[in-house]
Amino acid sequence: GESATAFLAYGRISIGMQYITGKSSHQELSLFSQAICGALSGCCASFVLTPTELVKCRLQTQHLTGSVKSGVPTTPFAMMVHIIRNEGPLALMKGWTPTLLREAWGYFYFFGGYEATKLLLMNEPD
């Protein structure tokens, strides 16, 4: 889910960056512009990732602390429903800011490195 979201967003954001910069193709964008597209795709991925990370962390925490009691959700879906019922749907976005920062920087370097590697490997030796 996360990678698919990031790659889809990267492609769409690259098209927008081409429009903004007046470039006719993705290859004409600077490496920095491509890395910025990666960072923005990480922002998109954070919206998908945050709820699943929250559910995962809650399940892990209750098992690690030994606080599993009867009536406490033990499956991801049950935990998601529990959070929505007890804290409201926006509670699924708890932790979004640190996730956003992590994903934006991570995908900045990931896509920047990816595009730099493509340039290095595609350049023919003289």
N, C-alpha and C. Protein backbone atom coordinates (compact mmCIF):
# COMPACT_ATOMS: atom_id res chain seq x y z
N GLY A 1 0.80 -1.19 0.00
CA GLY A 1 0.00 0.00 0.00
C GLY A 1 0.85 1.26 0.00
N GLU A 2 1.81 1.31 0.92
CA GLU A 2 2.62 2.52 1.04
C GLU A 2 3.44 2.77 -0.21
N SER A 3 4.16 1.76 -0.68
CA SER A 3 5.01 1.93 -1.87
C SER A 3 4.17 2.23 -3.11
N ALA A 4 3.06 1.54 -3.25
CA ALA A 4 2.19 1.78 -4.40
C ALA A 4 1.69 3.22 -4.39
N THR A 5 1.31 3.70 -3.22
CA THR A 5 0.84 5.08 -3.09
C THR A 5 1.97 6.05 -3.44
N ALA A 6 3.15 5.79 -2.92
CA ALA A 6 4.29 6.68 -3.17
C ALA A 6 4.65 6.72 -4.65
N PHE A 7 4.68 5.56 -5.31
CA PHE A 7 5.05 5.54 -6.74
C PHE A 7 3.97 6.19 -7.60
N LEU A 8 2.70 5.95 -7.27
CA LEU A 8 1.62 6.60 -8.01
C LEU A 8 1.70 8.11 -7.83
N ALA A 9 1.85 8.55 -6.59
CA ALA A 9 1.95 9.99 -6.31
C ALA A 9 3.18 10.59 -6.99
N TYR A 10 4.30 9.88 -6.98
CA TYR A 10 5.53 10.38 -7.60
C TYR A 10 5.31 10.67 -9.08
N GLY A 11 4.66 9.76 -9.76
CA GLY A 11 4.39 9.97 -11.18
C GLY A 11 3.50 11.17 -11.44
N ARG A 12 2.45 11.29 -10.64
CA ARG A 12 1.51 12.41 -10.81
C ARG A 12 2.14 13.74 -10.43
N ILE A 13 2.89 13.75 -9.34
CA ILE A 13 3.55 14.97 -8.88
C ILE A 13 4.62 15.39 -9.89
N SER A 14 5.29 14.43 -10.50
CA SER A 14 6.29 14.74 -11.54
C SER A 14 5.65 15.45 -12.72
N ILE A 15 4.46 15.02 -13.09
CA ILE A 15 3.73 15.68 -14.18
C ILE A 15 3.44 17.13 -13.79
N GLY A 16 3.01 17.35 -12.56
CA GLY A 16 2.77 18.70 -12.08
C GLY A 16 4.04 19.54 -12.06
N MET A 17 5.16 18.93 -11.64
CA MET A 17 6.43 19.63 -11.61
C MET A 17 6.87 20.01 -13.03
N GLN A 18 6.62 19.12 -13.99
CA GLN A 18 6.95 19.43 -15.39
C GLN A 18 6.15 20.65 -15.85
N TYR A 19 4.89 20.69 -15.48
CA TYR A 19 4.03 21.81 -15.86
C TYR A 19 4.54 23.11 -15.23
N ILE A 20 4.86 23.07 -13.94
CA ILE A 20 5.32 24.26 -13.21
C ILE A 20 6.64 24.78 -13.76
N THR A 21 7.55 23.85 -14.08
CA THR A 21 8.88 24.25 -14.54
C THR A 21 8.98 24.44 -16.06
N GLY A 22 7.93 24.09 -16.78
CA GLY A 22 7.93 24.25 -18.23
C GLY A 22 8.74 23.19 -18.96
N LYS A 23 9.01 22.07 -18.30
CA LYS A 23 9.76 20.98 -18.93
C LYS A 23 8.78 20.07 -19.66
N SER A 24 9.26 19.45 -20.74
CA SER A 24 8.36 18.60 -21.53
C SER A 24 8.43 17.13 -21.15
N SER A 25 9.41 16.74 -20.33
CA SER A 25 9.48 15.34 -19.91
C SER A 25 10.07 15.24 -18.51
N HIS A 26 9.86 14.11 -17.91
CA HIS A 26 10.39 13.84 -16.56
C HIS A 26 11.92 13.90 -16.55
N GLN A 27 12.54 13.43 -17.61
CA GLN A 27 14.00 13.38 -17.68
C GLN A 27 14.62 14.78 -17.72
N GLU A 28 13.84 15.77 -18.13
CA GLU A 28 14.35 17.14 -18.18
C GLU A 28 14.37 17.82 -16.81
N LEU A 29 13.66 17.25 -15.85
CA LEU A 29 13.65 17.84 -14.50
C LEU A 29 15.02 17.67 -13.86
N SER A 30 15.42 18.64 -13.06
CA SER A 30 16.69 18.51 -12.34
C SER A 30 16.59 17.40 -11.30
N LEU A 31 17.71 16.89 -10.90
CA LEU A 31 17.73 15.85 -9.88
C LEU A 31 17.07 16.35 -8.60
N PHE A 32 17.31 17.61 -8.24
CA PHE A 32 16.69 18.19 -7.05
C PHE A 32 15.17 18.24 -7.20
N SER A 33 14.67 18.63 -8.38
CA SER A 33 13.22 18.66 -8.62
C SER A 33 12.62 17.27 -8.50
N GLN A 34 13.33 16.29 -9.00
CA GLN A 34 12.85 14.91 -8.89
C GLN A 34 12.82 14.46 -7.43
N ALA A 35 13.82 14.87 -6.65
CA ALA A 35 13.85 14.52 -5.23
C ALA A 35 12.71 15.22 -4.49
N ILE A 36 12.40 16.46 -4.86
CA ILE A 36 11.26 17.17 -4.27
C ILE A 36 9.96 16.44 -4.59
N CYS A 37 9.83 15.95 -5.80
CA CYS A 37 8.66 15.14 -6.17
C CYS A 37 8.58 13.92 -5.26
N GLY A 38 9.73 13.32 -4.98
CA GLY A 38 9.78 12.18 -4.07
C GLY A 38 9.31 12.55 -2.68
N ALA A 39 9.76 13.70 -2.16
CA ALA A 39 9.34 14.15 -0.83
C ALA A 39 7.82 14.36 -0.79
N LEU A 40 7.28 14.97 -1.83
CA LEU A 40 5.84 15.20 -1.87
C LEU A 40 5.07 13.88 -1.98
N SER A 41 5.64 12.91 -2.66
CA SER A 41 4.99 11.59 -2.73
C SER A 41 5.01 10.93 -1.35
N GLY A 42 6.06 11.18 -0.57
CA GLY A 42 6.11 10.67 0.80
C GLY A 42 5.01 11.28 1.66
N CYS A 43 4.70 12.55 1.40
CA CYS A 43 3.59 13.19 2.12
C CYS A 43 2.28 12.46 1.82
N CYS A 44 2.08 12.12 0.56
CA CYS A 44 0.87 11.37 0.18
C CYS A 44 0.85 10.00 0.85
N ALA A 45 1.98 9.33 0.85
CA ALA A 45 2.06 7.99 1.45
C ALA A 45 1.77 8.04 2.95
N SER A 46 2.11 9.14 3.60
CA SER A 46 1.89 9.24 5.04
C SER A 46 0.41 9.17 5.40
N PHE A 47 -0.46 9.62 4.50
CA PHE A 47 -1.90 9.54 4.76
C PHE A 47 -2.39 8.10 4.77
N VAL A 48 -1.78 7.26 3.97
CA VAL A 48 -2.14 5.84 3.93
C VAL A 48 -1.49 5.10 5.10
N LEU A 49 -0.26 5.46 5.38
CA LEU A 49 0.54 4.75 6.35
C LEU A 49 0.14 5.00 7.80
N THR A 50 -0.23 6.23 8.13
CA THR A 50 -0.47 6.59 9.53
C THR A 50 -1.53 5.72 10.21
N PRO A 51 -2.71 5.53 9.64
CA PRO A 51 -3.69 4.69 10.33
C PRO A 51 -3.22 3.24 10.54
N THR A 52 -2.54 2.69 9.54
CA THR A 52 -2.09 1.30 9.69
C THR A 52 -0.97 1.20 10.72
N GLU A 53 -0.09 2.20 10.76
CA GLU A 53 0.98 2.23 11.77
C GLU A 53 0.40 2.35 13.18
N LEU A 54 -0.62 3.20 13.34
CA LEU A 54 -1.24 3.38 14.64
C LEU A 54 -1.84 2.07 15.14
N VAL A 55 -2.59 1.41 14.29
CA VAL A 55 -3.21 0.12 14.66
C VAL A 55 -2.13 -0.90 15.02
N LYS A 56 -1.10 -0.99 14.20
CA LYS A 56 0.00 -1.93 14.46
C LYS A 56 0.67 -1.64 15.79
N CYS A 57 0.96 -0.37 16.04
CA CYS A 57 1.64 0.00 17.29
C CYS A 57 0.78 -0.29 18.51
N ARG A 58 -0.51 -0.01 18.41
CA ARG A 58 -1.41 -0.30 19.54
C ARG A 58 -1.46 -1.79 19.84
N LEU A 59 -1.53 -2.60 18.78
CA LEU A 59 -1.55 -4.06 18.99
C LEU A 59 -0.24 -4.55 19.59
N GLN A 60 0.87 -4.06 19.08
CA GLN A 60 2.17 -4.47 19.60
C GLN A 60 2.35 -4.04 21.05
N THR A 61 1.94 -2.83 21.36
CA THR A 61 2.13 -2.30 22.70
C THR A 61 1.35 -3.10 23.73
N GLN A 62 0.12 -3.45 23.42
CA GLN A 62 -0.66 -4.19 24.41
C GLN A 62 -0.10 -5.58 24.64
N HIS A 63 0.51 -6.16 23.62
CA HIS A 63 1.13 -7.47 23.80
C HIS A 63 2.43 -7.37 24.58
N LEU A 64 3.21 -6.33 24.30
CA LEU A 64 4.49 -6.16 25.00
C LEU A 64 4.32 -5.82 26.47
N THR A 65 3.29 -5.04 26.77
CA THR A 65 3.07 -4.63 28.15
C THR A 65 2.23 -5.63 28.93
N GLY A 66 1.72 -6.62 28.23
CA GLY A 66 0.90 -7.63 28.90
C GLY A 66 -0.47 -7.11 29.29
N SER A 67 -0.92 -6.06 28.61
CA SER A 67 -2.20 -5.47 28.97
C SER A 67 -3.37 -6.01 28.15
N VAL A 68 -3.19 -7.18 27.54
CA VAL A 68 -4.27 -7.79 26.78
C VAL A 68 -5.30 -8.33 27.78
N LYS A 69 -6.50 -7.81 27.69
CA LYS A 69 -7.58 -8.22 28.58
C LYS A 69 -8.76 -8.65 27.73
N SER A 70 -9.72 -9.28 28.36
CA SER A 70 -10.90 -9.67 27.60
C SER A 70 -11.63 -8.41 27.15
N GLY A 71 -12.11 -8.43 25.92
CA GLY A 71 -12.81 -7.28 25.37
C GLY A 71 -11.90 -6.28 24.66
N VAL A 72 -10.60 -6.46 24.80
CA VAL A 72 -9.66 -5.58 24.11
C VAL A 72 -9.35 -6.20 22.75
N PRO A 73 -9.40 -5.41 21.69
CA PRO A 73 -9.20 -5.97 20.35
C PRO A 73 -7.82 -6.60 20.17
N THR A 74 -7.81 -7.72 19.47
CA THR A 74 -6.54 -8.42 19.23
C THR A 74 -6.24 -8.60 17.74
N THR A 75 -7.13 -8.11 16.88
CA THR A 75 -6.89 -8.18 15.44
C THR A 75 -6.82 -6.75 14.89
N PRO A 76 -6.16 -6.54 13.76
CA PRO A 76 -6.06 -5.19 13.21
C PRO A 76 -7.41 -4.53 12.94
N PHE A 77 -8.33 -5.28 12.33
CA PHE A 77 -9.64 -4.70 12.03
C PHE A 77 -10.38 -4.34 13.30
N ALA A 78 -10.36 -5.24 14.28
CA ALA A 78 -11.05 -4.97 15.56
C ALA A 78 -10.43 -3.76 16.26
N MET A 79 -9.12 -3.61 16.18
CA MET A 79 -8.46 -2.46 16.79
C MET A 79 -8.86 -1.17 16.09
N MET A 80 -8.94 -1.21 14.76
CA MET A 80 -9.35 -0.03 14.02
C MET A 80 -10.77 0.40 14.42
N VAL A 81 -11.67 -0.56 14.49
CA VAL A 81 -13.05 -0.26 14.89
C VAL A 81 -13.07 0.28 16.32
N HIS A 82 -12.29 -0.32 17.20
CA HIS A 82 -12.20 0.13 18.60
C HIS A 82 -11.74 1.59 18.69
N ILE A 83 -10.74 1.94 17.93
CA ILE A 83 -10.22 3.32 17.93
C ILE A 83 -11.29 4.28 17.42
N ILE A 84 -11.94 3.92 16.33
CA ILE A 84 -12.96 4.80 15.75
C ILE A 84 -14.12 4.99 16.72
N ARG A 85 -14.58 3.91 17.34
CA ARG A 85 -15.72 4.01 18.27
C ARG A 85 -15.38 4.80 19.53
N ASN A 86 -14.19 4.59 20.06
CA ASN A 86 -13.84 5.20 21.34
C ASN A 86 -13.18 6.57 21.23
N GLU A 87 -12.52 6.83 20.11
CA GLU A 87 -11.77 8.09 19.99
C GLU A 87 -12.19 8.92 18.79
N GLY A 88 -13.00 8.37 17.93
CA GLY A 88 -13.43 9.08 16.72
C GLY A 88 -12.53 8.74 15.54
N PRO A 89 -13.03 8.95 14.33
CA PRO A 89 -12.27 8.58 13.14
C PRO A 89 -10.95 9.34 12.97
N LEU A 90 -10.91 10.59 13.42
CA LEU A 90 -9.67 11.37 13.28
C LEU A 90 -8.55 10.82 14.15
N ALA A 91 -8.90 10.03 15.14
CA ALA A 91 -7.87 9.44 16.01
C ALA A 91 -6.96 8.50 15.22
N LEU A 92 -7.43 7.99 14.09
CA LEU A 92 -6.58 7.13 13.26
C LEU A 92 -5.38 7.89 12.69
N MET A 93 -5.44 9.21 12.74
CA MET A 93 -4.33 10.01 12.21
C MET A 93 -3.36 10.46 13.31
N LYS A 94 -3.53 9.94 14.53
CA LYS A 94 -2.58 10.26 15.59
C LYS A 94 -1.19 9.79 15.16
N GLY A 95 -0.22 10.67 15.31
CA GLY A 95 1.13 10.35 14.89
C GLY A 95 1.42 10.71 13.46
N TRP A 96 0.49 11.44 12.82
CA TRP A 96 0.68 11.77 11.41
C TRP A 96 1.89 12.68 11.18
N THR A 97 2.09 13.67 12.05
CA THR A 97 3.18 14.62 11.83
C THR A 97 4.55 13.93 11.80
N PRO A 98 4.90 13.10 12.79
CA PRO A 98 6.20 12.43 12.68
C PRO A 98 6.28 11.47 11.50
N THR A 99 5.16 10.83 11.17
CA THR A 99 5.14 9.93 10.01
C THR A 99 5.35 10.73 8.73
N LEU A 100 4.71 11.87 8.63
CA LEU A 100 4.87 12.75 7.46
C LEU A 100 6.33 13.17 7.31
N LEU A 101 6.95 13.60 8.39
CA LEU A 101 8.34 14.04 8.33
C LEU A 101 9.27 12.89 7.94
N ARG A 102 9.04 11.73 8.51
CA ARG A 102 9.87 10.57 8.19
C ARG A 102 9.72 10.17 6.73
N GLU A 103 8.49 10.11 6.25
CA GLU A 103 8.24 9.66 4.88
C GLU A 103 8.71 10.69 3.86
N ALA A 104 8.50 11.97 4.14
CA ALA A 104 8.92 13.01 3.19
C ALA A 104 10.43 12.96 3.00
N TRP A 105 11.18 12.96 4.09
CA TRP A 105 12.65 12.90 3.96
C TRP A 105 13.08 11.57 3.36
N GLY A 106 12.46 10.49 3.79
CA GLY A 106 12.83 9.17 3.27
C GLY A 106 12.66 9.07 1.78
N TYR A 107 11.50 9.54 1.28
CA TYR A 107 11.25 9.46 -0.15
C TYR A 107 12.02 10.52 -0.93
N PHE A 108 12.38 11.64 -0.31
CA PHE A 108 13.26 12.62 -0.95
C PHE A 108 14.56 11.92 -1.33
N TYR A 109 15.15 11.22 -0.37
CA TYR A 109 16.43 10.53 -0.62
C TYR A 109 16.24 9.28 -1.48
N PHE A 110 15.13 8.56 -1.28
CA PHE A 110 14.89 7.36 -2.07
C PHE A 110 14.77 7.69 -3.55
N PHE A 111 13.87 8.61 -3.90
CA PHE A 111 13.67 8.94 -5.31
C PHE A 111 14.84 9.74 -5.87
N GLY A 112 15.47 10.58 -5.05
CA GLY A 112 16.67 11.27 -5.49
C GLY A 112 17.77 10.29 -5.83
N GLY A 113 17.96 9.30 -4.97
CA GLY A 113 18.96 8.26 -5.22
C GLY A 113 18.60 7.39 -6.40
N TYR A 114 17.33 7.09 -6.52
CA TYR A 114 16.84 6.28 -7.64
C TYR A 114 17.12 6.98 -8.97
N GLU A 115 16.77 8.25 -9.04
CA GLU A 115 16.98 9.00 -10.29
C GLU A 115 18.47 9.21 -10.55
N ALA A 116 19.27 9.45 -9.52
CA ALA A 116 20.72 9.61 -9.71
C ALA A 116 21.35 8.32 -10.21
N THR A 117 20.92 7.20 -9.67
CA THR A 117 21.42 5.89 -10.10
C THR A 117 21.04 5.63 -11.55
N LYS A 118 19.81 5.97 -11.92
CA LYS A 118 19.39 5.82 -13.32
C LYS A 118 20.29 6.62 -14.24
N LEU A 119 20.60 7.86 -13.85
CA LEU A 119 21.48 8.70 -14.67
C LEU A 119 22.87 8.06 -14.83
N LEU A 120 23.42 7.58 -13.73
CA LEU A 120 24.74 6.96 -13.77
C LEU A 120 24.77 5.72 -14.63
N LEU A 121 23.74 4.90 -14.51
CA LEU A 121 23.72 3.63 -15.24
C LEU A 121 23.36 3.80 -16.72
N MET A 122 22.63 4.86 -17.03
CA MET A 122 22.19 5.05 -18.41
C MET A 122 23.20 5.85 -19.24
N ASN A 123 24.10 6.55 -18.59
CA ASN A 123 25.12 7.29 -19.35
C ASN A 123 26.10 6.31 -19.97
N GLU A 124 26.26 6.44 -21.26
CA GLU A 124 27.20 5.54 -21.95
C GLU A 124 28.61 6.07 -21.78
N PRO A 125 29.58 5.17 -21.58
CA PRO A 125 30.95 5.63 -21.45
C PRO A 125 31.46 6.25 -22.76
N ASP A 126 32.30 7.25 -22.65
CA ASP A 126 32.81 7.93 -23.85
C ASP A 126 33.88 7.12 -24.54
